[in-house]
Amino acid sequence: MLFINGGRFDLIDENKPFVGNQPIPPGRNLYPPGRTRAQIEDYAKAHPTEKDAIYSPYTVLRWNGKKLDTIPYHVEYKKDLEPAARLLREAADSSDDPAFAKFLRLRADALLSDDYYPSDLAWMDLRNPRIDVIFAL
């Protein structure tokens, strides 16, 4: 169920938790606890220079007093992403498929920069990859 739903909530059964009993938070943890979509949108309107970071799909939002902190994923999850990137590079070194190895190295770079576009393009260039790679938080 965890792999199918990408989390502990059953997406088919009205997002009911199948682990624990805490209901799914509003915004599926996209918003800081206790905040609503409307509050985030109001903050973004009042702080237009922060809008790109607030709405980035690679940003964690944290409420800090009266300020909304935007933390890039590669910073927030650094302790997990650095070992993952190292393992991807090791896998690339072991691959006999140069195109797949290139993808793995670019995806390792992406984990540490949040710039996934080059690795997405490399994935699209693969011909008949033997392994499907899926990343999820």
C-alpha atoms as a PDB file:
ATOM      1  CA  MET A   1       0.000   0.000   0.000  1.00  0.00           C
ATOM      2  CA  LEU A   2       2.851   2.378   0.793  1.00  0.00           C
ATOM      3  CA  PHE A   3       4.421   1.937  -2.633  1.00  0.00           C
ATOM      4  CA  ILE A   4       1.114   2.067  -4.484  1.00  0.00           C
ATOM      5  CA  ASN A   5      -0.072   5.257  -2.737  1.00  0.00           C
ATOM      6  CA  GLY A   6       3.297   6.945  -2.303  1.00  0.00           C
ATOM      7  CA  GLY A   7       2.478   7.531   1.353  1.00  0.00           C
ATOM      8  CA  ARG A   8       0.425   6.262   4.264  1.00  0.00           C
ATOM      9  CA  PHE A   9      -2.950   7.426   2.942  1.00  0.00           C
ATOM     10  CA  ASP A  10      -5.190   5.319   0.700  1.00  0.00           C
ATOM     11  CA  LEU A  11      -5.753   7.495  -2.367  1.00  0.00           C
ATOM     12  CA  ILE A  12      -8.683   5.364  -3.529  1.00  0.00           C
ATOM     13  CA  ASP A  13     -10.462   5.221  -0.158  1.00  0.00           C
ATOM     14  CA  GLU A  14     -10.897   8.958   0.492  1.00  0.00           C
ATOM     15  CA  ASN A  15      -7.295   9.375   1.732  1.00  0.00           C
ATOM     16  CA  LYS A  16      -7.952   7.318   4.862  1.00  0.00           C
ATOM     17  CA  PRO A  17      -4.738   6.423   6.696  1.00  0.00           C
ATOM     18  CA  PHE A  18      -3.735   2.770   6.559  1.00  0.00           C
ATOM     19  CA  VAL A  19      -0.927   3.388   9.048  1.00  0.00           C
ATOM     20  CA  GLY A  20      -1.837   5.211  12.244  1.00  0.00           C
ATOM     21  CA  ASN A  21      -5.039   7.176  12.606  1.00  0.00           C
ATOM     22  CA  GLN A  22      -4.032  10.790  11.941  1.00  0.00           C
ATOM     23  CA  PRO A  23      -6.011  12.093   8.946  1.00  0.00           C
ATOM     24  CA  ILE A  24      -4.283  13.455   5.888  1.00  0.00           C
ATOM     25  CA  PRO A  25      -3.226  17.053   6.535  1.00  0.00           C
ATOM     26  CA  PRO A  26      -4.716  19.841   4.411  1.00  0.00           C
ATOM     27  CA  GLY A  27      -2.623  20.258   1.283  1.00  0.00           C
ATOM     28  CA  ARG A  28      -0.982  16.833   1.848  1.00  0.00           C
ATOM     29  CA  ASN A  29       1.873  18.489   3.768  1.00  0.00           C
ATOM     30  CA  LEU A  30       2.436  21.020   1.004  1.00  0.00           C
ATOM     31  CA  TYR A  31       1.591  23.754   3.489  1.00  0.00           C
ATOM     32  CA  PRO A  32       3.161  24.262   6.905  1.00  0.00           C
ATOM     33  CA  PRO A  33       1.110  22.700   9.716  1.00  0.00           C
ATOM     34  CA  GLY A  34      -1.784  24.911  10.724  1.00  0.00           C
ATOM     35  CA  ARG A  35      -1.708  26.934   7.497  1.00  0.00           C
ATOM     36  CA  THR A  36      -4.170  26.908   4.647  1.00  0.00           C
ATOM     37  CA  ARG A  37      -3.862  27.334   0.922  1.00  0.00           C
ATOM     38  CA  ALA A  38      -5.492  30.758   1.208  1.00  0.00           C
ATOM     39  CA  GLN A  39      -2.912  31.893   3.774  1.00  0.00           C
ATOM     40  CA  ILE A  40      -0.052  30.755   1.549  1.00  0.00           C
ATOM     41  CA  GLU A  41      -1.565  32.498  -1.477  1.00  0.00           C
ATOM     42  CA  ASP A  42      -2.080  35.702   0.518  1.00  0.00           C
ATOM     43  CA  TYR A  43       1.534  35.579   1.690  1.00  0.00           C
ATOM     44  CA  ALA A  44       2.763  35.020  -1.876  1.00  0.00           C
ATOM     45  CA  LYS A  45       0.737  38.025  -3.092  1.00  0.00           C
ATOM     46  CA  ALA A  46       2.217  40.181  -0.335  1.00  0.00           C
ATOM     47  CA  HIS A  47       5.767  38.953  -1.097  1.00  0.00           C
ATOM     48  CA  PRO A  48       5.964  38.681  -4.902  1.00  0.00           C
ATOM     49  CA  THR A  49       9.754  38.287  -4.952  1.00  0.00           C
ATOM     50  CA  GLU A  50       9.347  35.024  -2.992  1.00  0.00           C
ATOM     51  CA  LYS A  51       6.589  33.613  -5.212  1.00  0.00           C
ATOM     52  CA  ASP A  52       8.825  31.366  -7.340  1.00  0.00           C
ATOM     53  CA  ALA A  53      10.353  29.722  -4.269  1.00  0.00           C
ATOM     54  CA  ILE A  54       6.959  29.377  -2.548  1.00  0.00           C
ATOM     55  CA  TYR A  55       5.416  27.602  -5.533  1.00  0.00           C
ATOM     56  CA  SER A  56       8.483  25.585  -6.502  1.00  0.00           C
ATOM     57  CA  PRO A  57       7.776  21.845  -6.493  1.00  0.00           C
ATOM     58  CA  TYR A  58      11.209  21.427  -4.864  1.00  0.00           C
ATOM     59  CA  THR A  59      10.666  23.657  -1.832  1.00  0.00           C
ATOM     60  CA  VAL A  60       9.666  22.893   1.755  1.00  0.00           C
ATOM     61  CA  LEU A  61       7.637  25.641   3.401  1.00  0.00           C
ATOM     62  CA  ARG A  62       8.076  26.447   7.101  1.00  0.00           C
ATOM     63  CA  TRP A  63       6.254  29.152   9.011  1.00  0.00           C
ATOM     64  CA  ASN A  64       8.683  31.245  11.053  1.00  0.00           C
ATOM     65  CA  GLY A  65       6.771  33.831  13.069  1.00  0.00           C
ATOM     66  CA  LYS A  66       5.375  36.218  10.475  1.00  0.00           C
ATOM     67  CA  LYS A  67       7.661  34.958   7.707  1.00  0.00           C
ATOM     68  CA  LEU A  68       7.361  31.976   5.434  1.00  0.00           C
ATOM     69  CA  ASP A  69      10.708  30.240   5.019  1.00  0.00           C
ATOM     70  CA  THR A  70      11.328  28.467   1.723  1.00  0.00           C
ATOM     71  CA  ILE A  71      13.869  25.673   1.979  1.00  0.00           C
ATOM     72  CA  PRO A  72      15.035  23.897  -1.190  1.00  0.00           C
ATOM     73  CA  TYR A  73      14.622  20.117  -1.057  1.00  0.00           C
ATOM     74  CA  HIS A  74      18.336  19.573  -1.627  1.00  0.00           C
ATOM     75  CA  VAL A  75      19.001  21.577   1.548  1.00  0.00           C
ATOM     76  CA  GLU A  76      16.174  20.177   3.696  1.00  0.00           C
ATOM     77  CA  TYR A  77      16.905  16.551   2.804  1.00  0.00           C
ATOM     78  CA  LYS A  78      20.684  16.852   2.326  1.00  0.00           C
ATOM     79  CA  LYS A  79      21.552  14.094   4.815  1.00  0.00           C
ATOM     80  CA  ASP A  80      19.471  11.617   2.795  1.00  0.00           C
ATOM     81  CA  LEU A  81      20.200  12.938  -0.689  1.00  0.00           C
ATOM     82  CA  GLU A  82      23.996  12.963  -0.475  1.00  0.00           C
ATOM     83  CA  PRO A  83      24.252   9.195   0.173  1.00  0.00           C
ATOM     84  CA  ALA A  84      21.605   8.547  -2.504  1.00  0.00           C
ATOM     85  CA  ALA A  85      23.589  10.605  -5.032  1.00  0.00           C
ATOM     86  CA  ARG A  86      26.771   8.728  -4.110  1.00  0.00           C
ATOM     87  CA  LEU A  87      25.009   5.380  -4.670  1.00  0.00           C
ATOM     88  CA  LEU A  88      23.642   6.550  -8.033  1.00  0.00           C
ATOM     89  CA  ARG A  89      27.163   7.462  -9.123  1.00  0.00           C
ATOM     90  CA  GLU A  90      28.426   4.060  -7.994  1.00  0.00           C
ATOM     91  CA  ALA A  91      25.644   2.420  -9.999  1.00  0.00           C
ATOM     92  CA  ALA A  92      26.605   4.537 -13.022  1.00  0.00           C
ATOM     93  CA  ASP A  93      30.199   3.347 -12.695  1.00  0.00           C
ATOM     94  CA  SER A  94      28.930  -0.247 -12.734  1.00  0.00           C
ATOM     95  CA  SER A  95      26.635   0.153 -15.718  1.00  0.00           C
ATOM     96  CA  ASP A  96      27.573  -1.226 -19.123  1.00  0.00           C
ATOM     97  CA  ASP A  97      25.023   1.133 -20.732  1.00  0.00           C
ATOM     98  CA  PRO A  98      26.683   4.550 -21.293  1.00  0.00           C
ATOM     99  CA  ALA A  99      23.359   6.358 -21.783  1.00  0.00           C
ATOM    100  CA  PHE A 100      21.910   4.892 -18.606  1.00  0.00           C
ATOM    101  CA  ALA A 101      25.110   5.731 -16.713  1.00  0.00           C
ATOM    102  CA  LYS A 102      24.814   9.319 -17.961  1.00  0.00           C
ATOM    103  CA  PHE A 103      21.227   9.467 -16.705  1.00  0.00           C
ATOM    104  CA  LEU A 104      22.254   8.135 -13.284  1.00  0.00           C
ATOM    105  CA  ARG A 105      25.037  10.711 -12.950  1.00  0.00           C
ATOM    106  CA  LEU A 106      22.755  13.547 -14.023  1.00  0.00           C
ATOM    107  CA  ARG A 107      20.064  12.377 -11.609  1.00  0.00           C
ATOM    108  CA  ALA A 108      22.670  12.260  -8.825  1.00  0.00           C
ATOM    109  CA  ASP A 109      23.539  15.877  -9.661  1.00  0.00           C
ATOM    110  CA  ALA A 110      19.833  16.764  -9.679  1.00  0.00           C
ATOM    111  CA  LEU A 111      19.308  15.374  -6.192  1.00  0.00           C
ATOM    112  CA  LEU A 112      21.903  17.847  -4.944  1.00  0.00           C
ATOM    113  CA  SER A 113      20.699  20.864  -6.936  1.00  0.00           C
ATOM    114  CA  ASP A 114      16.944  20.385  -7.565  1.00  0.00           C
ATOM    115  CA  ASP A 115      17.598  20.897 -11.298  1.00  0.00           C
ATOM    116  CA  TYR A 116      16.017  17.759 -12.762  1.00  0.00           C
ATOM    117  CA  TYR A 117      15.581  18.912 -16.346  1.00  0.00           C
ATOM    118  CA  PRO A 118      18.928  17.611 -17.715  1.00  0.00           C
ATOM    119  CA  SER A 119      18.370  14.188 -16.156  1.00  0.00           C
ATOM    120  CA  ASP A 120      14.756  14.114 -17.388  1.00  0.00           C
ATOM    121  CA  LEU A 121      16.045  14.736 -20.917  1.00  0.00           C
ATOM    122  CA  ALA A 122      18.659  11.991 -20.494  1.00  0.00           C
ATOM    123  CA  TRP A 123      15.900   9.597 -19.382  1.00  0.00           C
ATOM    124  CA  MET A 124      13.874  10.422 -22.490  1.00  0.00           C
ATOM    125  CA  ASP A 125      16.914   9.645 -24.656  1.00  0.00           C
ATOM    126  CA  LEU A 126      17.259   6.101 -23.287  1.00  0.00           C
ATOM    127  CA  ARG A 127      16.467   3.252 -25.642  1.00  0.00           C
ATOM    128  CA  ASN A 128      15.053   0.152 -23.971  1.00  0.00           C
ATOM    129  CA  PRO A 129      16.389   0.693 -20.441  1.00  0.00           C
ATOM    130  CA  ARG A 130      16.516  -2.546 -18.465  1.00  0.00           C
ATOM    131  CA  ILE A 131      15.723  -0.778 -15.194  1.00  0.00           C
ATOM    132  CA  ASP A 132      12.977   1.706 -14.412  1.00  0.00           C
ATOM    133  CA  VAL A 133      14.056   4.304 -11.854  1.00  0.00           C
ATOM    134  CA  ILE A 134      11.423   5.984  -9.651  1.00  0.00           C
ATOM    135  CA  PHE A 135      12.159   8.468  -6.876  1.00  0.00           C
ATOM    136  CA  ALA A 136       9.545   9.362  -4.275  1.00  0.00           C
ATOM    137  CA  LEU A 137       9.480  10.986  -0.889  1.00  0.00           C
END
